[in-house]
Amino acid sequence: MYGLVNQAIRDMVVERFGAEAWADIRALTGAEELFLTMQQYPDELTFSLVEAVCKLQGTEADAVLQAFGEYWIEYVAKNYRELFAIAGGDFVTFVKNLNSLHTRVAQMMPELQAPGFSISDEQEGRFVLHYHSRRNGMQAMIPGLFQGLGRRFATRVSLTYLEGKAEGLDHDCFQVEYSRHEGN
Protein backbone atom coordinates (compact mmCIF):
# COMPACT_ATOMS: atom_id res chain seq x y z
CA MET A 1 0.00 0.00 0.00
CA TYR A 2 1.05 3.54 -0.46
CA GLY A 3 2.56 5.33 2.51
CA LEU A 4 -0.48 7.58 2.56
CA VAL A 5 -2.45 4.77 4.23
CA ASN A 6 0.24 4.02 6.79
CA GLN A 7 0.68 7.73 7.53
CA ALA A 8 -3.07 8.02 8.14
CA ILE A 9 -2.92 5.07 10.56
CA ARG A 10 -0.04 6.78 12.35
CA ASP A 11 -1.89 10.08 12.53
CA MET A 12 -5.05 8.39 13.84
CA VAL A 13 -3.07 6.64 16.58
CA VAL A 14 -1.29 9.84 17.63
CA GLU A 15 -4.52 11.89 17.62
CA ARG A 16 -6.57 9.34 19.54
CA PHE A 17 -4.05 7.63 21.81
CA GLY A 18 -0.99 9.90 21.91
CA ALA A 19 2.58 9.88 20.68
CA GLU A 20 3.53 7.26 23.28
CA ALA A 21 1.10 4.79 21.71
CA TRP A 22 2.70 5.36 18.32
CA ALA A 23 6.15 4.79 19.87
CA ASP A 24 4.88 1.48 21.28
CA ILE A 25 3.50 0.49 17.86
CA ARG A 26 6.80 1.37 16.22
CA ALA A 27 8.61 -0.80 18.76
CA LEU A 28 6.29 -3.73 17.98
CA THR A 29 6.44 -3.38 14.20
CA GLY A 30 9.75 -1.73 13.39
CA ALA A 31 7.81 0.97 11.53
CA GLU A 32 9.30 4.34 10.67
CA GLU A 33 8.30 7.52 12.49
CA LEU A 34 6.76 8.96 9.31
CA PHE A 35 5.87 7.44 5.95
CA LEU A 36 6.45 8.83 2.49
CA THR A 37 2.92 9.20 1.17
CA MET A 38 3.79 8.48 -2.47
CA GLN A 39 6.02 5.47 -1.74
CA GLN A 40 4.81 1.88 -1.86
CA TYR A 41 5.14 -0.19 1.31
CA PRO A 42 4.42 -3.91 1.70
CA ASP A 43 0.80 -4.70 2.60
CA GLU A 44 2.19 -6.77 5.47
CA LEU A 45 3.44 -3.59 7.13
CA THR A 46 -0.03 -2.06 7.08
CA PHE A 47 -1.55 -5.23 8.52
CA SER A 48 1.15 -5.35 11.21
CA LEU A 49 0.29 -1.76 12.19
CA VAL A 50 -3.36 -2.77 12.58
CA GLU A 51 -2.35 -5.84 14.63
CA ALA A 52 -0.19 -3.68 16.89
CA VAL A 53 -3.07 -1.25 17.48
CA CYS A 54 -5.25 -4.25 18.37
CA LYS A 55 -2.69 -5.56 20.83
CA LEU A 56 -2.15 -2.22 22.53
CA GLN A 57 -5.83 -1.28 22.65
CA GLY A 58 -7.12 -4.76 23.48
CA THR A 59 -9.53 -4.83 20.55
CA GLU A 60 -10.24 -6.83 17.41
CA ALA A 61 -8.94 -6.00 13.93
CA ASP A 62 -12.46 -5.41 12.60
CA ALA A 63 -13.03 -2.67 15.20
CA VAL A 64 -9.70 -1.01 14.38
CA LEU A 65 -10.36 -1.18 10.63
CA GLN A 66 -13.86 0.23 11.07
CA ALA A 67 -12.50 3.12 13.16
CA PHE A 68 -9.80 3.66 10.57
CA GLY A 69 -12.42 3.72 7.79
CA GLU A 70 -14.22 6.58 9.53
CA TYR A 71 -10.93 8.37 10.14
CA TRP A 72 -9.85 7.84 6.51
CA ILE A 73 -12.81 9.88 5.22
CA GLU A 74 -11.92 12.78 7.53
CA TYR A 75 -8.24 12.50 6.64
CA VAL A 76 -8.76 12.50 2.88
CA ALA A 77 -11.40 15.24 2.99
CA LYS A 78 -9.05 17.45 5.00
CA ASN A 79 -5.79 16.73 3.17
CA TYR A 80 -7.06 16.23 -0.38
CA ARG A 81 -10.06 18.54 -0.33
CA GLU A 82 -10.17 19.39 -4.06
CA LEU A 83 -9.89 15.79 -5.20
CA PHE A 84 -12.49 14.70 -2.68
CA ALA A 85 -14.89 17.49 -3.65
CA ILE A 86 -15.09 16.53 -7.33
CA ALA A 87 -16.46 13.08 -6.54
CA GLY A 88 -19.91 14.40 -5.66
CA GLY A 89 -21.92 16.66 -3.45
CA ASP A 90 -24.19 14.04 -1.88
CA PHE A 91 -23.81 10.57 -0.43
CA VAL A 92 -25.17 8.49 -3.33
CA THR A 93 -23.40 10.48 -6.05
CA PHE A 94 -20.13 10.18 -4.16
CA VAL A 95 -20.52 6.40 -3.80
CA LYS A 96 -21.31 6.06 -7.50
CA ASN A 97 -18.15 8.05 -8.30
CA LEU A 98 -15.73 6.12 -6.06
CA ASN A 99 -14.22 4.23 -8.99
CA SER A 100 -13.73 7.46 -10.95
CA LEU A 101 -12.10 9.02 -7.89
CA HIS A 102 -9.70 6.08 -7.65
CA THR A 103 -8.94 6.38 -11.38
CA ARG A 104 -7.89 10.01 -10.83
CA VAL A 105 -5.78 9.06 -7.83
CA ALA A 106 -4.12 6.29 -9.88
CA GLN A 107 -2.81 8.97 -12.25
CA MET A 108 -0.67 10.23 -9.36
CA MET A 109 -0.09 6.79 -7.83
CA PRO A 110 0.42 4.41 -10.76
CA GLU A 111 0.89 1.33 -8.55
CA LEU A 112 -2.41 1.91 -6.77
CA GLN A 113 -4.48 -1.22 -6.34
CA ALA A 114 -7.66 0.47 -5.26
CA PRO A 115 -10.79 -1.46 -4.45
CA GLY A 116 -13.73 -1.37 -6.82
CA PHE A 117 -17.28 -0.46 -5.89
CA SER A 118 -20.58 -0.95 -7.65
CA ILE A 119 -24.19 -0.80 -6.58
CA SER A 120 -27.22 -2.84 -7.50
CA ASP A 121 -30.83 -3.15 -6.39
CA GLU A 122 -30.97 0.63 -5.99
CA GLN A 123 -34.17 1.94 -4.43
CA GLU A 124 -34.99 5.14 -2.59
CA GLY A 125 -33.00 5.01 0.64
CA ARG A 126 -31.15 1.77 -0.05
CA PHE A 127 -28.89 -0.17 -2.38
CA VAL A 128 -26.62 -3.19 -2.37
CA LEU A 129 -22.93 -2.31 -2.37
CA HIS A 130 -20.50 -4.65 -4.10
CA TYR A 131 -16.95 -4.25 -2.78
CA HIS A 132 -14.14 -5.79 -4.84
CA SER A 133 -10.60 -5.93 -3.46
CA ARG A 134 -7.58 -8.08 -4.10
CA ARG A 135 -6.73 -7.69 -0.42
CA ASN A 136 -8.40 -10.00 2.06
CA GLY A 137 -9.37 -8.61 5.43
CA MET A 138 -10.01 -5.00 4.48
CA GLN A 139 -13.79 -5.33 4.15
CA ALA A 140 -14.10 -4.40 7.83
CA MET A 141 -13.18 -0.83 6.79
CA ILE A 142 -16.32 -0.49 4.66
CA PRO A 143 -18.81 0.22 7.48
CA GLY A 144 -16.46 2.85 8.87
CA LEU A 145 -15.91 4.43 5.46
CA PHE A 146 -19.64 4.68 4.92
CA GLN A 147 -20.26 6.08 8.41
CA GLY A 148 -17.63 8.71 7.63
CA LEU A 149 -19.26 9.51 4.30
CA GLY A 150 -22.62 9.73 6.02
CA ARG A 151 -21.25 12.27 8.47
CA ARG A 152 -19.66 14.24 5.62
CA PHE A 153 -22.95 14.38 3.69
CA ALA A 154 -25.30 14.75 6.69
CA THR A 155 -26.78 11.34 5.94
CA ARG A 156 -27.67 8.53 8.31
CA VAL A 157 -26.07 5.35 6.98
CA SER A 158 -26.55 1.76 8.06
CA LEU A 159 -24.68 -1.20 6.57
CA THR A 160 -25.49 -4.87 6.88
CA TYR A 161 -23.10 -7.50 5.59
CA LEU A 162 -24.95 -9.80 3.20
CA GLU A 163 -22.39 -12.24 1.81
CA GLY A 164 -18.97 -12.33 0.30
CA LYS A 165 -15.57 -13.91 0.20
CA ALA A 166 -16.25 -15.83 3.40
CA GLU A 167 -19.11 -17.55 1.57
CA GLY A 168 -17.08 -18.23 -1.58
CA LEU A 169 -17.90 -15.15 -3.67
CA ASP A 170 -15.17 -13.09 -5.34
CA HIS A 171 -16.31 -9.90 -3.57
CA ASP A 172 -18.26 -8.73 -0.53
CA CYS A 173 -21.83 -7.41 -0.53
CA PHE A 174 -23.47 -5.02 1.92
CA GLN A 175 -27.01 -3.72 2.20
CA VAL A 176 -26.73 0.05 2.55
CA GLU A 177 -29.64 2.05 3.94
CA TYR A 178 -29.46 5.82 4.13
CA SER A 179 -31.53 8.92 4.82
CA ARG A 180 -30.71 12.61 5.09
CA HIS A 181 -30.57 13.95 8.65
CA GLU A 182 -33.70 15.80 9.69
CA GLY A 183 -33.50 19.50 8.93
CA ASN A 184 -31.06 19.08 6.00
C-alpha atoms as a PDB file:
ATOM      1  CA  MET A   1       0.000   0.000   0.000  1.00  0.00           C
ATOM      2  CA  TYR A   2       1.046   3.542  -0.456  1.00  0.00           C
ATOM      3  CA  GLY A   3       2.561   5.331   2.506  1.00  0.00           C
ATOM      4  CA  LEU A   4      -0.478   7.575   2.556  1.00  0.00           C
ATOM      5  CA  VAL A   5      -2.454   4.772   4.227  1.00  0.00           C
ATOM      6  CA  ASN A   6       0.238   4.017   6.789  1.00  0.00           C
ATOM      7  CA  GLN A   7       0.676   7.725   7.530  1.00  0.00           C
ATOM      8  CA  ALA A   8      -3.065   8.019   8.136  1.00  0.00           C
ATOM      9  CA  ILE A   9      -2.919   5.068  10.561  1.00  0.00           C
ATOM     10  CA  ARG A  10      -0.040   6.781  12.353  1.00  0.00           C
ATOM     11  CA  ASP A  11      -1.893  10.077  12.533  1.00  0.00           C
ATOM     12  CA  MET A  12      -5.051   8.388  13.839  1.00  0.00           C
ATOM     13  CA  VAL A  13      -3.068   6.638  16.584  1.00  0.00           C
ATOM     14  CA  VAL A  14      -1.285   9.838  17.628  1.00  0.00           C
ATOM     15  CA  GLU A  15      -4.515  11.886  17.623  1.00  0.00           C
ATOM     16  CA  ARG A  16      -6.571   9.338  19.536  1.00  0.00           C
ATOM     17  CA  PHE A  17      -4.047   7.629  21.813  1.00  0.00           C
ATOM     18  CA  GLY A  18      -0.993   9.898  21.907  1.00  0.00           C
ATOM     19  CA  ALA A  19       2.579   9.877  20.682  1.00  0.00           C
ATOM     20  CA  GLU A  20       3.526   7.256  23.278  1.00  0.00           C
ATOM     21  CA  ALA A  21       1.100   4.794  21.713  1.00  0.00           C
ATOM     22  CA  TRP A  22       2.703   5.362  18.322  1.00  0.00           C
ATOM     23  CA  ALA A  23       6.149   4.793  19.868  1.00  0.00           C
ATOM     24  CA  ASP A  24       4.876   1.483  21.283  1.00  0.00           C
ATOM     25  CA  ILE A  25       3.498   0.486  17.861  1.00  0.00           C
ATOM     26  CA  ARG A  26       6.800   1.366  16.221  1.00  0.00           C
ATOM     27  CA  ALA A  27       8.608  -0.803  18.762  1.00  0.00           C
ATOM     28  CA  LEU A  28       6.290  -3.733  17.982  1.00  0.00           C
ATOM     29  CA  THR A  29       6.445  -3.376  14.197  1.00  0.00           C
ATOM     30  CA  GLY A  30       9.752  -1.728  13.387  1.00  0.00           C
ATOM     31  CA  ALA A  31       7.809   0.975  11.525  1.00  0.00           C
ATOM     32  CA  GLU A  32       9.298   4.336  10.674  1.00  0.00           C
ATOM     33  CA  GLU A  33       8.304   7.524  12.489  1.00  0.00           C
ATOM     34  CA  LEU A  34       6.757   8.963   9.311  1.00  0.00           C
ATOM     35  CA  PHE A  35       5.874   7.437   5.952  1.00  0.00           C
ATOM     36  CA  LEU A  36       6.454   8.829   2.489  1.00  0.00           C
ATOM     37  CA  THR A  37       2.921   9.196   1.168  1.00  0.00           C
ATOM     38  CA  MET A  38       3.789   8.476  -2.473  1.00  0.00           C
ATOM     39  CA  GLN A  39       6.025   5.474  -1.735  1.00  0.00           C
ATOM     40  CA  GLN A  40       4.807   1.877  -1.864  1.00  0.00           C
ATOM     41  CA  TYR A  41       5.145  -0.193   1.308  1.00  0.00           C
ATOM     42  CA  PRO A  42       4.422  -3.915   1.703  1.00  0.00           C
ATOM     43  CA  ASP A  43       0.805  -4.700   2.600  1.00  0.00           C
ATOM     44  CA  GLU A  44       2.189  -6.773   5.466  1.00  0.00           C
ATOM     45  CA  LEU A  45       3.435  -3.591   7.126  1.00  0.00           C
ATOM     46  CA  THR A  46      -0.035  -2.063   7.076  1.00  0.00           C
ATOM     47  CA  PHE A  47      -1.554  -5.233   8.518  1.00  0.00           C
ATOM     48  CA  SER A  48       1.154  -5.354  11.212  1.00  0.00           C
ATOM     49  CA  LEU A  49       0.293  -1.761  12.190  1.00  0.00           C
ATOM     50  CA  VAL A  50      -3.359  -2.772  12.578  1.00  0.00           C
ATOM     51  CA  GLU A  51      -2.352  -5.839  14.625  1.00  0.00           C
ATOM     52  CA  ALA A  52      -0.188  -3.680  16.894  1.00  0.00           C
ATOM     53  CA  VAL A  53      -3.073  -1.253  17.476  1.00  0.00           C
ATOM     54  CA  CYS A  54      -5.255  -4.252  18.368  1.00  0.00           C
ATOM     55  CA  LYS A  55      -2.688  -5.556  20.828  1.00  0.00           C
ATOM     56  CA  LEU A  56      -2.146  -2.217  22.534  1.00  0.00           C
ATOM     57  CA  GLN A  57      -5.826  -1.278  22.653  1.00  0.00           C
ATOM     58  CA  GLY A  58      -7.120  -4.765  23.484  1.00  0.00           C
ATOM     59  CA  THR A  59      -9.526  -4.828  20.554  1.00  0.00           C
ATOM     60  CA  GLU A  60     -10.236  -6.829  17.413  1.00  0.00           C
ATOM     61  CA  ALA A  61      -8.940  -5.996  13.932  1.00  0.00           C
ATOM     62  CA  ASP A  62     -12.463  -5.411  12.599  1.00  0.00           C
ATOM     63  CA  ALA A  63     -13.026  -2.672  15.198  1.00  0.00           C
ATOM     64  CA  VAL A  64      -9.699  -1.012  14.383  1.00  0.00           C
ATOM     65  CA  LEU A  65     -10.361  -1.176  10.630  1.00  0.00           C
ATOM     66  CA  GLN A  66     -13.856   0.229  11.067  1.00  0.00           C
ATOM     67  CA  ALA A  67     -12.500   3.119  13.158  1.00  0.00           C
ATOM     68  CA  PHE A  68      -9.802   3.661  10.567  1.00  0.00           C
ATOM     69  CA  GLY A  69     -12.421   3.715   7.791  1.00  0.00           C
ATOM     70  CA  GLU A  70     -14.220   6.580   9.526  1.00  0.00           C
ATOM     71  CA  TYR A  71     -10.929   8.372  10.136  1.00  0.00           C
ATOM     72  CA  TRP A  72      -9.849   7.844   6.509  1.00  0.00           C
ATOM     73  CA  ILE A  73     -12.806   9.877   5.216  1.00  0.00           C
ATOM     74  CA  GLU A  74     -11.922  12.776   7.535  1.00  0.00           C
ATOM     75  CA  TYR A  75      -8.238  12.497   6.640  1.00  0.00           C
ATOM     76  CA  VAL A  76      -8.760  12.497   2.880  1.00  0.00           C
ATOM     77  CA  ALA A  77     -11.396  15.237   2.993  1.00  0.00           C
ATOM     78  CA  LYS A  78      -9.046  17.450   5.004  1.00  0.00           C
ATOM     79  CA  ASN A  79      -5.789  16.734   3.174  1.00  0.00           C
ATOM     80  CA  TYR A  80      -7.058  16.227  -0.381  1.00  0.00           C
ATOM     81  CA  ARG A  81     -10.063  18.537  -0.334  1.00  0.00           C
ATOM     82  CA  GLU A  82     -10.171  19.389  -4.060  1.00  0.00           C
ATOM     83  CA  LEU A  83      -9.894  15.787  -5.200  1.00  0.00           C
ATOM     84  CA  PHE A  84     -12.487  14.701  -2.680  1.00  0.00           C
ATOM     85  CA  ALA A  85     -14.891  17.487  -3.646  1.00  0.00           C
ATOM     86  CA  ILE A  86     -15.089  16.529  -7.329  1.00  0.00           C
ATOM     87  CA  ALA A  87     -16.463  13.076  -6.541  1.00  0.00           C
ATOM     88  CA  GLY A  88     -19.910  14.398  -5.661  1.00  0.00           C
ATOM     89  CA  GLY A  89     -21.920  16.656  -3.451  1.00  0.00           C
ATOM     90  CA  ASP A  90     -24.186  14.044  -1.880  1.00  0.00           C
ATOM     91  CA  PHE A  91     -23.813  10.569  -0.429  1.00  0.00           C
ATOM     92  CA  VAL A  92     -25.175   8.488  -3.333  1.00  0.00           C
ATOM     93  CA  THR A  93     -23.403  10.478  -6.046  1.00  0.00           C
ATOM     94  CA  PHE A  94     -20.132  10.175  -4.162  1.00  0.00           C
ATOM     95  CA  VAL A  95     -20.521   6.398  -3.798  1.00  0.00           C
ATOM     96  CA  LYS A  96     -21.311   6.063  -7.503  1.00  0.00           C
ATOM     97  CA  ASN A  97     -18.149   8.048  -8.299  1.00  0.00           C
ATOM     98  CA  LEU A  98     -15.733   6.115  -6.060  1.00  0.00           C
ATOM     99  CA  ASN A  99     -14.217   4.228  -8.992  1.00  0.00           C
ATOM    100  CA  SER A 100     -13.726   7.462 -10.947  1.00  0.00           C
ATOM    101  CA  LEU A 101     -12.099   9.020  -7.893  1.00  0.00           C
ATOM    102  CA  HIS A 102      -9.705   6.076  -7.655  1.00  0.00           C
ATOM    103  CA  THR A 103      -8.937   6.385 -11.381  1.00  0.00           C
ATOM    104  CA  ARG A 104      -7.891  10.007 -10.826  1.00  0.00           C
ATOM    105  CA  VAL A 105      -5.779   9.057  -7.830  1.00  0.00           C
ATOM    106  CA  ALA A 106      -4.116   6.294  -9.879  1.00  0.00           C
ATOM    107  CA  GLN A 107      -2.807   8.968 -12.250  1.00  0.00           C
ATOM    108  CA  MET A 108      -0.668  10.229  -9.355  1.00  0.00           C
ATOM    109  CA  MET A 109      -0.086   6.795  -7.835  1.00  0.00           C
ATOM    110  CA  PRO A 110       0.424   4.405 -10.758  1.00  0.00           C
ATOM    111  CA  GLU A 111       0.891   1.325  -8.552  1.00  0.00           C
ATOM    112  CA  LEU A 112      -2.412   1.913  -6.773  1.00  0.00           C
ATOM    113  CA  GLN A 113      -4.475  -1.219  -6.340  1.00  0.00           C
ATOM    114  CA  ALA A 114      -7.661   0.474  -5.260  1.00  0.00           C
ATOM    115  CA  PRO A 115     -10.790  -1.464  -4.447  1.00  0.00           C
ATOM    116  CA  GLY A 116     -13.733  -1.374  -6.816  1.00  0.00           C
ATOM    117  CA  PHE A 117     -17.285  -0.460  -5.885  1.00  0.00           C
ATOM    118  CA  SER A 118     -20.582  -0.951  -7.649  1.00  0.00           C
ATOM    119  CA  ILE A 119     -24.188  -0.804  -6.578  1.00  0.00           C
ATOM    120  CA  SER A 120     -27.217  -2.844  -7.503  1.00  0.00           C
ATOM    121  CA  ASP A 121     -30.828  -3.148  -6.393  1.00  0.00           C
ATOM    122  CA  GLU A 122     -30.973   0.625  -5.989  1.00  0.00           C
ATOM    123  CA  GLN A 123     -34.166   1.944  -4.432  1.00  0.00           C
ATOM    124  CA  GLU A 124     -34.985   5.145  -2.586  1.00  0.00           C
ATOM    125  CA  GLY A 125     -33.003   5.013   0.637  1.00  0.00           C
ATOM    126  CA  ARG A 126     -31.149   1.773  -0.053  1.00  0.00           C
ATOM    127  CA  PHE A 127     -28.886  -0.172  -2.380  1.00  0.00           C
ATOM    128  CA  VAL A 128     -26.621  -3.192  -2.373  1.00  0.00           C
ATOM    129  CA  LEU A 129     -22.935  -2.305  -2.371  1.00  0.00           C
ATOM    130  CA  HIS A 130     -20.496  -4.645  -4.100  1.00  0.00           C
ATOM    131  CA  TYR A 131     -16.947  -4.253  -2.782  1.00  0.00           C
ATOM    132  CA  HIS A 132     -14.136  -5.789  -4.843  1.00  0.00           C
ATOM    133  CA  SER A 133     -10.602  -5.928  -3.460  1.00  0.00           C
ATOM    134  CA  ARG A 134      -7.578  -8.082  -4.100  1.00  0.00           C
ATOM    135  CA  ARG A 135      -6.726  -7.687  -0.420  1.00  0.00           C
ATOM    136  CA  ASN A 136      -8.403  -9.995   2.059  1.00  0.00           C
ATOM    137  CA  GLY A 137      -9.374  -8.614   5.427  1.00  0.00           C
ATOM    138  CA  MET A 138     -10.009  -4.998   4.477  1.00  0.00           C
ATOM    139  CA  GLN A 139     -13.789  -5.326   4.148  1.00  0.00           C
ATOM    140  CA  ALA A 140     -14.103  -4.398   7.829  1.00  0.00           C
ATOM    141  CA  MET A 141     -13.180  -0.833   6.790  1.00  0.00           C
ATOM    142  CA  ILE A 142     -16.315  -0.493   4.662  1.00  0.00           C
ATOM    143  CA  PRO A 143     -18.815   0.220   7.482  1.00  0.00           C
ATOM    144  CA  GLY A 144     -16.456   2.853   8.871  1.00  0.00           C
ATOM    145  CA  LEU A 145     -15.911   4.427   5.457  1.00  0.00           C
ATOM    146  CA  PHE A 146     -19.642   4.679   4.917  1.00  0.00           C
ATOM    147  CA  GLN A 147     -20.258   6.079   8.407  1.00  0.00           C
ATOM    148  CA  GLY A 148     -17.631   8.713   7.634  1.00  0.00           C
ATOM    149  CA  LEU A 149     -19.259   9.506   4.296  1.00  0.00           C
ATOM    150  CA  GLY A 150     -22.622   9.729   6.017  1.00  0.00           C
ATOM    151  CA  ARG A 151     -21.249  12.268   8.470  1.00  0.00           C
ATOM    152  CA  ARG A 152     -19.664  14.235   5.618  1.00  0.00           C
ATOM    153  CA  PHE A 153     -22.947  14.382   3.692  1.00  0.00           C
ATOM    154  CA  ALA A 154     -25.305  14.747   6.693  1.00  0.00           C
ATOM    155  CA  THR A 155     -26.779  11.343   5.944  1.00  0.00           C
ATOM    156  CA  ARG A 156     -27.666   8.526   8.310  1.00  0.00           C
ATOM    157  CA  VAL A 157     -26.072   5.355   6.982  1.00  0.00           C
ATOM    158  CA  SER A 158     -26.552   1.760   8.059  1.00  0.00           C
ATOM    159  CA  LEU A 159     -24.678  -1.199   6.569  1.00  0.00           C
ATOM    160  CA  THR A 160     -25.490  -4.866   6.883  1.00  0.00           C
ATOM    161  CA  TYR A 161     -23.101  -7.499   5.593  1.00  0.00           C
ATOM    162  CA  LEU A 162     -24.952  -9.802   3.197  1.00  0.00           C
ATOM    163  CA  GLU A 163     -22.392 -12.240   1.812  1.00  0.00           C
ATOM    164  CA  GLY A 164     -18.967 -12.328   0.297  1.00  0.00           C
ATOM    165  CA  LYS A 165     -15.571 -13.909   0.197  1.00  0.00           C
ATOM    166  CA  ALA A 166     -16.249 -15.833   3.400  1.00  0.00           C
ATOM    167  CA  GLU A 167     -19.114 -17.546   1.570  1.00  0.00           C
ATOM    168  CA  GLY A 168     -17.078 -18.229  -1.576  1.00  0.00           C
ATOM    169  CA  LEU A 169     -17.896 -15.149  -3.672  1.00  0.00           C
ATOM    170  CA  ASP A 170     -15.170 -13.093  -5.345  1.00  0.00           C
ATOM    171  CA  HIS A 171     -16.310  -9.903  -3.567  1.00  0.00           C
ATOM    172  CA  ASP A 172     -18.262  -8.726  -0.534  1.00  0.00           C
ATOM    173  CA  CYS A 173     -21.835  -7.412  -0.531  1.00  0.00           C
ATOM    174  CA  PHE A 174     -23.466  -5.022   1.915  1.00  0.00           C
ATOM    175  CA  GLN A 175     -27.008  -3.715   2.204  1.00  0.00           C
ATOM    176  CA  VAL A 176     -26.730   0.053   2.553  1.00  0.00           C
ATOM    177  CA  GLU A 177     -29.645   2.046   3.938  1.00  0.00           C
ATOM    178  CA  TYR A 178     -29.464   5.816   4.126  1.00  0.00           C
ATOM    179  CA  SER A 179     -31.527   8.919   4.821  1.00  0.00           C
ATOM    180  CA  ARG A 180     -30.714  12.606   5.086  1.00  0.00           C
ATOM    181  CA  HIS A 181     -30.566  13.950   8.646  1.00  0.00           C
ATOM    182  CA  GLU A 182     -33.698  15.800   9.692  1.00  0.00           C
ATOM    183  CA  GLY A 183     -33.503  19.497   8.930  1.00  0.00           C
ATOM    184  CA  ASN A 184     -31.063  19.083   5.999  1.00  0.00           C
END
